[in-house]
Amino acid sequence: MARFGLGKRDVQKLERERDIEGLIGLLSHEDEKLVFQAIEALTRIGDPEGVEALMALVADPSCPELIRTKAWLALDVGMEREAKKRTDWR
């Protein structure tokens, strides 16, 4: 996949196709907006490989703080969503 000329629609397509590897690849993109969108998509999908990639971002001291924080928050939201699913009695 080319690393230039990507946009929100590309991230949406990767999410629709559940292309975890493609989304993980975007986590190192220079465009922070695309990185944020990839983080959100991985959180919505909830695949263990994507979760591991987000955890690696959080643990990487060379990763920009804003991206690390976004990944941490996304993991927190994902964990809350899972907990709600497990306790939803409806």
PDB file of N, CA and C in Angstrom:
ATOM      1  N   MET A   1       0.853  -1.171   0.000  1.00  0.00           N
ATOM      2  CA  MET A   1       0.000   0.000   0.000  1.00  0.00           C
ATOM      3  C   MET A   1       0.897   1.232   0.000  1.00  0.00           C
ATOM      4  N   ALA A   2       0.579   2.190  -0.839  1.00  0.00           N
ATOM      5  CA  ALA A   2       1.351   3.435  -0.889  1.00  0.00           C
ATOM      6  C   ALA A   2       1.141   4.212   0.400  1.00  0.00           C
ATOM      7  N   ARG A   3       2.188   4.878   0.840  1.00  0.00           N
ATOM      8  CA  ARG A   3       2.117   5.618   2.094  1.00  0.00           C
ATOM      9  C   ARG A   3       1.733   7.070   1.866  1.00  0.00           C
ATOM     10  N   PHE A   4       1.440   7.442   0.653  1.00  0.00           N
ATOM     11  CA  PHE A   4       1.084   8.829   0.354  1.00  0.00           C
ATOM     12  C   PHE A   4      -0.272   8.830  -0.332  1.00  0.00           C
ATOM     13  N   GLY A   5      -0.931   9.950  -0.264  1.00  0.00           N
ATOM     14  CA  GLY A   5      -2.222  10.065  -0.919  1.00  0.00           C
ATOM     15  C   GLY A   5      -3.344   9.323  -0.218  1.00  0.00           C
ATOM     16  N   LEU A   6      -3.142   8.929   1.010  1.00  0.00           N
ATOM     17  CA  LEU A   6      -4.175   8.226   1.757  1.00  0.00           C
ATOM     18  C   LEU A   6      -5.102   9.226   2.422  1.00  0.00           C
ATOM     19  N   GLY A   7      -6.333   8.810   2.625  1.00  0.00           N
ATOM     20  CA  GLY A   7      -7.289   9.681   3.283  1.00  0.00           C
ATOM     21  C   GLY A   7      -8.245   8.882   4.148  1.00  0.00           C
ATOM     22  N   LYS A   8      -9.223   9.591   4.695  1.00  0.00           N
ATOM     23  CA  LYS A   8     -10.197   8.984   5.602  1.00  0.00           C
ATOM     24  C   LYS A   8     -10.934   7.819   4.940  1.00  0.00           C
ATOM     25  N   ARG A   9     -11.265   7.973   3.655  1.00  0.00           N
ATOM     26  CA  ARG A   9     -11.980   6.894   2.962  1.00  0.00           C
ATOM     27  C   ARG A   9     -11.151   5.622   2.896  1.00  0.00           C
ATOM     28  N   ASP A  10      -9.832   5.783   2.766  1.00  0.00           N
ATOM     29  CA  ASP A  10      -8.961   4.609   2.739  1.00  0.00           C
ATOM     30  C   ASP A  10      -8.995   3.881   4.080  1.00  0.00           C
ATOM     31  N   VAL A  11      -8.983   4.640   5.152  1.00  0.00           N
ATOM     32  CA  VAL A  11      -9.048   4.037   6.487  1.00  0.00           C
ATOM     33  C   VAL A  11     -10.396   3.345   6.662  1.00  0.00           C
ATOM     34  N   GLN A  12     -11.462   3.982   6.217  1.00  0.00           N
ATOM     35  CA  GLN A  12     -12.792   3.379   6.314  1.00  0.00           C
ATOM     36  C   GLN A  12     -12.860   2.071   5.524  1.00  0.00           C
ATOM     37  N   LYS A  13     -12.235   2.058   4.353  1.00  0.00           N
ATOM     38  CA  LYS A  13     -12.218   0.836   3.537  1.00  0.00           C
ATOM     39  C   LYS A  13     -11.455  -0.273   4.256  1.00  0.00           C
ATOM     40  N   LEU A  14     -10.306   0.065   4.816  1.00  0.00           N
ATOM     41  CA  LEU A  14      -9.538  -0.928   5.568  1.00  0.00           C
ATOM     42  C   LEU A  14     -10.361  -1.468   6.736  1.00  0.00           C
ATOM     43  N   GLU A  15     -11.101  -0.590   7.394  1.00  0.00           N
ATOM     44  CA  GLU A  15     -11.935  -1.029   8.518  1.00  0.00           C
ATOM     45  C   GLU A  15     -13.058  -1.945   8.033  1.00  0.00           C
ATOM     46  N   ARG A  16     -13.744  -1.553   6.963  1.00  0.00           N
ATOM     47  CA  ARG A  16     -14.825  -2.386   6.418  1.00  0.00           C
ATOM     48  C   ARG A  16     -14.318  -3.778   6.052  1.00  0.00           C
ATOM     49  N   GLU A  17     -13.117  -3.814   5.483  1.00  0.00           N
ATOM     50  CA  GLU A  17     -12.531  -5.085   5.058  1.00  0.00           C
ATOM     51  C   GLU A  17     -11.837  -5.817   6.202  1.00  0.00           C
ATOM     52  N   ARG A  18     -11.848  -5.196   7.369  1.00  0.00           N
ATOM     53  CA  ARG A  18     -11.190  -5.757   8.557  1.00  0.00           C
ATOM     54  C   ARG A  18      -9.728  -6.089   8.256  1.00  0.00           C
ATOM     55  N   ASP A  19      -9.082  -5.160   7.553  1.00  0.00           N
ATOM     56  CA  ASP A  19      -7.673  -5.308   7.176  1.00  0.00           C
ATOM     57  C   ASP A  19      -6.805  -4.827   8.338  1.00  0.00           C
ATOM     58  N   ILE A  20      -6.624  -5.709   9.291  1.00  0.00           N
ATOM     59  CA  ILE A  20      -5.882  -5.364  10.506  1.00  0.00           C
ATOM     60  C   ILE A  20      -4.449  -4.964  10.170  1.00  0.00           C
ATOM     61  N   GLU A  21      -3.806  -5.733   9.299  1.00  0.00           N
ATOM     62  CA  GLU A  21      -2.420  -5.426   8.929  1.00  0.00           C
ATOM     63  C   GLU A  21      -2.306  -4.051   8.287  1.00  0.00           C
ATOM     64  N   GLY A  22      -3.255  -3.719   7.409  1.00  0.00           N
ATOM     65  CA  GLY A  22      -3.238  -2.405   6.767  1.00  0.00           C
ATOM     66  C   GLY A  22      -3.404  -1.280   7.771  1.00  0.00           C
ATOM     67  N   LEU A  23      -4.321  -1.471   8.722  1.00  0.00           N
ATOM     68  CA  LEU A  23      -4.540  -0.457   9.753  1.00  0.00           C
ATOM     69  C   LEU A  23      -3.331  -0.338  10.672  1.00  0.00           C
ATOM     70  N   ILE A  24      -2.737  -1.465  11.015  1.00  0.00           N
ATOM     71  CA  ILE A  24      -1.532  -1.428  11.851  1.00  0.00           C
ATOM     72  C   ILE A  24      -0.418  -0.695  11.113  1.00  0.00           C
ATOM     73  N   GLY A  25      -0.326  -0.911   9.814  1.00  0.00           N
ATOM     74  CA  GLY A  25       0.678  -0.211   9.018  1.00  0.00           C
ATOM     75  C   GLY A  25       0.522   1.296   9.073  1.00  0.00           C
ATOM     76  N   LEU A  26      -0.716   1.759   9.198  1.00  0.00           N
ATOM     77  CA  LEU A  26      -0.968   3.203   9.267  1.00  0.00           C
ATOM     78  C   LEU A  26      -0.559   3.814  10.605  1.00  0.00           C
ATOM     79  N   LEU A  27      -0.329   3.000  11.604  1.00  0.00           N
ATOM     80  CA  LEU A  27       0.046   3.536  12.915  1.00  0.00           C
ATOM     81  C   LEU A  27       1.384   4.262  12.890  1.00  0.00           C
ATOM     82  N   SER A  28       2.181   4.007  11.867  1.00  0.00           N
ATOM     83  CA  SER A  28       3.475   4.695  11.755  1.00  0.00           C
ATOM     84  C   SER A  28       3.469   5.750  10.650  1.00  0.00           C
ATOM     85  N   HIS A  29       2.281   6.087  10.155  1.00  0.00           N
ATOM     86  CA  HIS A  29       2.163   7.096   9.094  1.00  0.00           C
ATOM     87  C   HIS A  29       2.526   8.470   9.643  1.00  0.00           C
ATOM     88  N   GLU A  30       3.054   9.323   8.789  1.00  0.00           N
ATOM     89  CA  GLU A  30       3.461  10.667   9.237  1.00  0.00           C
ATOM     90  C   GLU A  30       2.273  11.599   9.481  1.00  0.00           C
ATOM     91  N   ASP A  31       1.113  11.290   8.897  1.00  0.00           N
ATOM     92  CA  ASP A  31      -0.083  12.120   9.066  1.00  0.00           C
ATOM     93  C   ASP A  31      -0.819  11.671  10.335  1.00  0.00           C
ATOM     94  N   GLU A  32      -0.775  12.504  11.374  1.00  0.00           N
ATOM     95  CA  GLU A  32      -1.394  12.140  12.653  1.00  0.00           C
ATOM     96  C   GLU A  32      -2.883  11.864  12.523  1.00  0.00           C
ATOM     97  N   LYS A  33      -3.573  12.576  11.632  1.00  0.00           N
ATOM     98  CA  LYS A  33      -5.012  12.337  11.462  1.00  0.00           C
ATOM     99  C   LYS A  33      -5.273  10.900  11.019  1.00  0.00           C
ATOM    100  N   LEU A  34      -4.462  10.416  10.081  1.00  0.00           N
ATOM    101  CA  LEU A  34      -4.619   9.031   9.632  1.00  0.00           C
ATOM    102  C   LEU A  34      -4.284   8.047  10.746  1.00  0.00           C
ATOM    103  N   VAL A  35      -3.276   8.369  11.524  1.00  0.00           N
ATOM    104  CA  VAL A  35      -2.915   7.507  12.653  1.00  0.00           C
ATOM    105  C   VAL A  35      -4.082   7.446  13.636  1.00  0.00           C
ATOM    106  N   PHE A  36      -4.666   8.590  13.950  1.00  0.00           N
ATOM    107  CA  PHE A  36      -5.805   8.627  14.873  1.00  0.00           C
ATOM    108  C   PHE A  36      -6.977   7.814  14.325  1.00  0.00           C
ATOM    109  N   GLN A  37      -7.256   7.955  13.030  1.00  0.00           N
ATOM    110  CA  GLN A  37      -8.354   7.205  12.418  1.00  0.00           C
ATOM    111  C   GLN A  37      -8.078   5.706  12.456  1.00  0.00           C
ATOM    112  N   ALA A  38      -6.825   5.329  12.226  1.00  0.00           N
ATOM    113  CA  ALA A  38      -6.462   3.910  12.288  1.00  0.00           C
ATOM    114  C   ALA A  38      -6.617   3.378  13.712  1.00  0.00           C
ATOM    115  N   ILE A  39      -6.219   4.174  14.696  1.00  0.00           N
ATOM    116  CA  ILE A  39      -6.379   3.778  16.099  1.00  0.00           C
ATOM    117  C   ILE A  39      -7.854   3.547  16.406  1.00  0.00           C
ATOM    118  N   GLU A  40      -8.704   4.473  15.992  1.00  0.00           N
ATOM    119  CA  GLU A  40     -10.138   4.344  16.248  1.00  0.00           C
ATOM    120  C   GLU A  40     -10.715   3.118  15.549  1.00  0.00           C
ATOM    121  N   ALA A  41     -10.296   2.879  14.311  1.00  0.00           N
ATOM    122  CA  ALA A  41     -10.785   1.718  13.565  1.00  0.00           C
ATOM    123  C   ALA A  41     -10.366   0.417  14.249  1.00  0.00           C
ATOM    124  N   LEU A  42      -9.113   0.341  14.664  1.00  0.00           N
ATOM    125  CA  LEU A  42      -8.646  -0.862  15.356  1.00  0.00           C
ATOM    126  C   LEU A  42      -9.418  -1.080  16.651  1.00  0.00           C
ATOM    127  N   THR A  43      -9.748  -0.010  17.333  1.00  0.00           N
ATOM    128  CA  THR A  43     -10.519  -0.119  18.572  1.00  0.00           C
ATOM    129  C   THR A  43     -11.915  -0.658  18.285  1.00  0.00           C
ATOM    130  N   ARG A  44     -12.547  -0.138  17.237  1.00  0.00           N
ATOM    131  CA  ARG A  44     -13.895  -0.610  16.894  1.00  0.00           C
ATOM    132  C   ARG A  44     -13.884  -2.079  16.490  1.00  0.00           C
ATOM    133  N   ILE A  45     -12.868  -2.500  15.754  1.00  0.00           N
ATOM    134  CA  ILE A  45     -12.792  -3.892  15.315  1.00  0.00           C
ATOM    135  C   ILE A  45     -12.531  -4.809  16.506  1.00  0.00           C
ATOM    136  N   GLY A  46     -11.615  -4.410  17.379  1.00  0.00           N
ATOM    137  CA  GLY A  46     -11.355  -5.171  18.599  1.00  0.00           C
ATOM    138  C   GLY A  46     -10.563  -6.457  18.404  1.00  0.00           C
ATOM    139  N   ASP A  47      -9.900  -6.611  17.275  1.00  0.00           N
ATOM    140  CA  ASP A  47      -9.092  -7.802  17.015  1.00  0.00           C
ATOM    141  C   ASP A  47      -7.872  -7.825  17.944  1.00  0.00           C
ATOM    142  N   PRO A  48      -7.531  -8.985  18.496  1.00  0.00           N
ATOM    143  CA  PRO A  48      -6.385  -9.055  19.414  1.00  0.00           C
ATOM    144  C   PRO A  48      -5.080  -8.537  18.816  1.00  0.00           C
ATOM    145  N   GLU A  49      -4.849  -8.769  17.533  1.00  0.00           N
ATOM    146  CA  GLU A  49      -3.620  -8.280  16.897  1.00  0.00           C
ATOM    147  C   GLU A  49      -3.587  -6.749  16.896  1.00  0.00           C
ATOM    148  N   GLY A  50      -4.742  -6.133  16.654  1.00  0.00           N
ATOM    149  CA  GLY A  50      -4.832  -4.675  16.692  1.00  0.00           C
ATOM    150  C   GLY A  50      -4.635  -4.134  18.094  1.00  0.00           C
ATOM    151  N   VAL A  51      -5.202  -4.822  19.068  1.00  0.00           N
ATOM    152  CA  VAL A  51      -5.038  -4.413  20.468  1.00  0.00           C
ATOM    153  C   VAL A  51      -3.561  -4.479  20.858  1.00  0.00           C
ATOM    154  N   GLU A  52      -2.879  -5.536  20.437  1.00  0.00           N
ATOM    155  CA  GLU A  52      -1.444  -5.656  20.726  1.00  0.00           C
ATOM    156  C   GLU A  52      -0.658  -4.506  20.108  1.00  0.00           C
ATOM    157  N   ALA A  53      -1.026  -4.126  18.879  1.00  0.00           N
ATOM    158  CA  ALA A  53      -0.335  -3.018  18.210  1.00  0.00           C
ATOM    159  C   ALA A  53      -0.551  -1.711  18.964  1.00  0.00           C
ATOM    160  N   LEU A  54      -1.766  -1.502  19.473  1.00  0.00           N
ATOM    161  CA  LEU A  54      -2.040  -0.287  20.247  1.00  0.00           C
ATOM    162  C   LEU A  54      -1.266  -0.302  21.564  1.00  0.00           C
ATOM    163  N   MET A  55      -1.174  -1.466  22.178  1.00  0.00           N
ATOM    164  CA  MET A  55      -0.405  -1.575  23.421  1.00  0.00           C
ATOM    165  C   MET A  55       1.076  -1.287  23.161  1.00  0.00           C
ATOM    166  N   ALA A  56       1.567  -1.722  22.013  1.00  0.00           N
ATOM    167  CA  ALA A  56       2.965  -1.446  21.656  1.00  0.00           C
ATOM    168  C   ALA A  56       3.189   0.051  21.467  1.00  0.00           C
ATOM    169  N   LEU A  57       2.205   0.742  20.883  1.00  0.00           N
ATOM    170  CA  LEU A  57       2.311   2.202  20.734  1.00  0.00           C
ATOM    171  C   LEU A  57       2.417   2.876  22.096  1.00  0.00           C
ATOM    172  N   VAL A  58       1.548   2.466  22.996  1.00  0.00           N
ATOM    173  CA  VAL A  58       1.537   3.062  24.336  1.00  0.00           C
ATOM    174  C   VAL A  58       2.888   2.860  25.025  1.00  0.00           C
ATOM    175  N   ALA A  59       3.490   1.715  24.819  1.00  0.00           N
ATOM    176  CA  ALA A  59       4.747   1.381  25.495  1.00  0.00           C
ATOM    177  C   ALA A  59       5.990   1.941  24.805  1.00  0.00           C
ATOM    178  N   ASP A  60       5.832   2.487  23.605  1.00  0.00           N
ATOM    179  CA  ASP A  60       6.984   2.952  22.823  1.00  0.00           C
ATOM    180  C   ASP A  60       7.340   4.393  23.186  1.00  0.00           C
ATOM    181  N   PRO A  61       8.445   4.612  23.909  1.00  0.00           N
ATOM    182  CA  PRO A  61       8.810   5.970  24.312  1.00  0.00           C
ATOM    183  C   PRO A  61       9.202   6.872  23.137  1.00  0.00           C
ATOM    184  N   SER A  62       9.511   6.284  21.983  1.00  0.00           N
ATOM    185  CA  SER A  62       9.870   7.109  20.824  1.00  0.00           C
ATOM    186  C   SER A  62       8.638   7.591  20.055  1.00  0.00           C
ATOM    187  N   CYS A  63       7.481   7.042  20.392  1.00  0.00           N
ATOM    188  CA  CYS A  63       6.230   7.448  19.749  1.00  0.00           C
ATOM    189  C   CYS A  63       5.803   8.804  20.320  1.00  0.00           C
ATOM    190  N   PRO A  64       5.320   9.712  19.462  1.00  0.00           N
ATOM    191  CA  PRO A  64       4.868  11.018  19.969  1.00  0.00           C
ATOM    192  C   PRO A  64       3.822  10.860  21.079  1.00  0.00           C
ATOM    193  N   GLU A  65       3.924  11.707  22.073  1.00  0.00           N
ATOM    194  CA  GLU A  65       3.052  11.607  23.248  1.00  0.00           C
ATOM    195  C   GLU A  65       1.568  11.680  22.892  1.00  0.00           C
ATOM    196  N   LEU A  66       1.213  12.528  21.951  1.00  0.00           N
ATOM    197  CA  LEU A  66      -0.195  12.665  21.570  1.00  0.00           C
ATOM    198  C   LEU A  66      -0.739  11.353  21.001  1.00  0.00           C
ATOM    199  N   ILE A  67       0.057  10.679  20.197  1.00  0.00           N
ATOM    200  CA  ILE A  67      -0.371   9.403  19.617  1.00  0.00           C
ATOM    201  C   ILE A  67      -0.433   8.327  20.699  1.00  0.00           C
ATOM    202  N   ARG A  68       0.544   8.313  21.586  1.00  0.00           N
ATOM    203  CA  ARG A  68       0.526   7.349  22.692  1.00  0.00           C
ATOM    204  C   ARG A  68      -0.717   7.543  23.560  1.00  0.00           C
ATOM    205  N   THR A  69      -1.052   8.795  23.827  1.00  0.00           N
ATOM    206  CA  THR A  69      -2.232   9.096  24.643  1.00  0.00           C
ATOM    207  C   THR A  69      -3.505   8.649  23.936  1.00  0.00           C
ATOM    208  N   LYS A  70      -3.599   8.916  22.642  1.00  0.00           N
ATOM    209  CA  LYS A  70      -4.774   8.503  21.859  1.00  0.00           C
ATOM    210  C   LYS A  70      -4.918   6.980  21.895  1.00  0.00           C
ATOM    211  N   ALA A  71      -3.811   6.270  21.742  1.00  0.00           N
ATOM    212  CA  ALA A  71      -3.853   4.807  21.779  1.00  0.00           C
ATOM    213  C   ALA A  71      -4.289   4.318  23.159  1.00  0.00           C
ATOM    214  N   TRP A  72      -3.758   4.942  24.206  1.00  0.00           N
ATOM    215  CA  TRP A  72      -4.130   4.555  25.573  1.00  0.00           C
ATOM    216  C   TRP A  72      -5.626   4.768  25.805  1.00  0.00           C
ATOM    217  N   LEU A  73      -6.129   5.921  25.389  1.00  0.00           N
ATOM    218  CA  LEU A  73      -7.557   6.210  25.555  1.00  0.00           C
ATOM    219  C   LEU A  73      -8.408   5.237  24.752  1.00  0.00           C
ATOM    220  N   ALA A  74      -7.961   4.904  23.550  1.00  0.00           N
ATOM    221  CA  ALA A  74      -8.704   3.957  22.713  1.00  0.00           C
ATOM    222  C   ALA A  74      -8.757   2.582  23.374  1.00  0.00           C
ATOM    223  N   LEU A  75      -7.655   2.158  23.947  1.00  0.00           N
ATOM    224  CA  LEU A  75      -7.646   0.877  24.653  1.00  0.00           C
ATOM    225  C   LEU A  75      -8.603   0.908  25.839  1.00  0.00           C
ATOM    226  N   ASP A  76      -8.639   2.023  26.551  1.00  0.00           N
ATOM    227  CA  ASP A  76      -9.539   2.172  27.691  1.00  0.00           C
ATOM    228  C   ASP A  76     -10.994   2.078  27.242  1.00  0.00           C
ATOM    229  N   VAL A  77     -11.328   2.760  26.154  1.00  0.00           N
ATOM    230  CA  VAL A  77     -12.692   2.724  25.613  1.00  0.00           C
ATOM    231  C   VAL A  77     -13.044   1.302  25.183  1.00  0.00           C
ATOM    232  N   GLY A  78     -12.110   0.638  24.529  1.00  0.00           N
ATOM    233  CA  GLY A  78     -12.345  -0.736  24.090  1.00  0.00           C
ATOM    234  C   GLY A  78     -12.592  -1.672  25.257  1.00  0.00           C
ATOM    235  N   MET A  79     -11.849  -1.482  26.340  1.00  0.00           N
ATOM    236  CA  MET A  79     -12.031  -2.325  27.519  1.00  0.00           C
ATOM    237  C   MET A  79     -13.384  -2.052  28.166  1.00  0.00           C
ATOM    238  N   GLU A  80     -13.788  -0.794  28.202  1.00  0.00           N
ATOM    239  CA  GLU A  80     -15.105  -0.461  28.760  1.00  0.00           C
ATOM    240  C   GLU A  80     -16.214  -1.097  27.931  1.00  0.00           C
ATOM    241  N   ARG A  81     -16.066  -1.051  26.616  1.00  0.00           N
ATOM    242  CA  ARG A  81     -17.070  -1.629  25.714  1.00  0.00           C
ATOM    243  C   ARG A  81     -17.184  -3.138  25.956  1.00  0.00           C
ATOM    244  N   GLU A  82     -16.053  -3.811  26.098  1.00  0.00           N
ATOM    245  CA  GLU A  82     -16.053  -5.254  26.355  1.00  0.00           C
ATOM    246  C   GLU A  82     -16.700  -5.568  27.698  1.00  0.00           C
ATOM    247  N   ALA A  83     -16.385  -4.783  28.704  1.00  0.00           N
ATOM    248  CA  ALA A  83     -16.971  -5.007  30.026  1.00  0.00           C
ATOM    249  C   ALA A  83     -18.481  -4.830  29.976  1.00  0.00           C
ATOM    250  N   LYS A  84     -18.939  -3.835  29.227  1.00  0.00           N
ATOM    251  CA  LYS A  84     -20.380  -3.600  29.117  1.00  0.00           C
ATOM    252  C   LYS A  84     -21.061  -4.770  28.418  1.00  0.00           C
ATOM    253  N   LYS A  85     -20.427  -5.297  27.366  1.00  0.00           N
ATOM    254  CA  LYS A  85     -21.000  -6.448  26.661  1.00  0.00           C
ATOM    255  C   LYS A  85     -21.172  -7.625  27.613  1.00  0.00           C
ATOM    256  N   ARG A  86     -20.198  -7.820  28.466  1.00  0.00           N
ATOM    257  CA  ARG A  86     -20.219  -8.975  29.366  1.00  0.00           C
ATOM    258  C   ARG A  86     -21.231  -8.818  30.498  1.00  0.00           C
ATOM    259  N   THR A  87     -21.604  -7.579  30.813  1.00  0.00           N
ATOM    260  CA  THR A  87     -22.533  -7.361  31.922  1.00  0.00           C
ATOM    261  C   THR A  87     -23.904  -6.896  31.461  1.00  0.00           C
ATOM    262  N   ASP A  88     -24.099  -6.761  30.162  1.00  0.00           N
ATOM    263  CA  ASP A  88     -25.391  -6.325  29.631  1.00  0.00           C
ATOM    264  C   ASP A  88     -26.367  -7.501  29.696  1.00  0.00           C
ATOM    265  N   TRP A  89     -27.406  -7.357  30.483  1.00  0.00           N
ATOM    266  CA  TRP A  89     -28.348  -8.446  30.728  1.00  0.00           C
ATOM    267  C   TRP A  89     -29.517  -8.461  29.767  1.00  0.00           C
ATOM    268  N   ARG A  90     -29.570  -7.552  28.841  1.00  0.00           N
ATOM    269  CA  ARG A  90     -30.719  -7.486  27.919  1.00  0.00           C
ATOM    270  C   ARG A  90     -30.697  -8.572  26.917  1.00  0.00           C
TER     271      ARG A  90
END
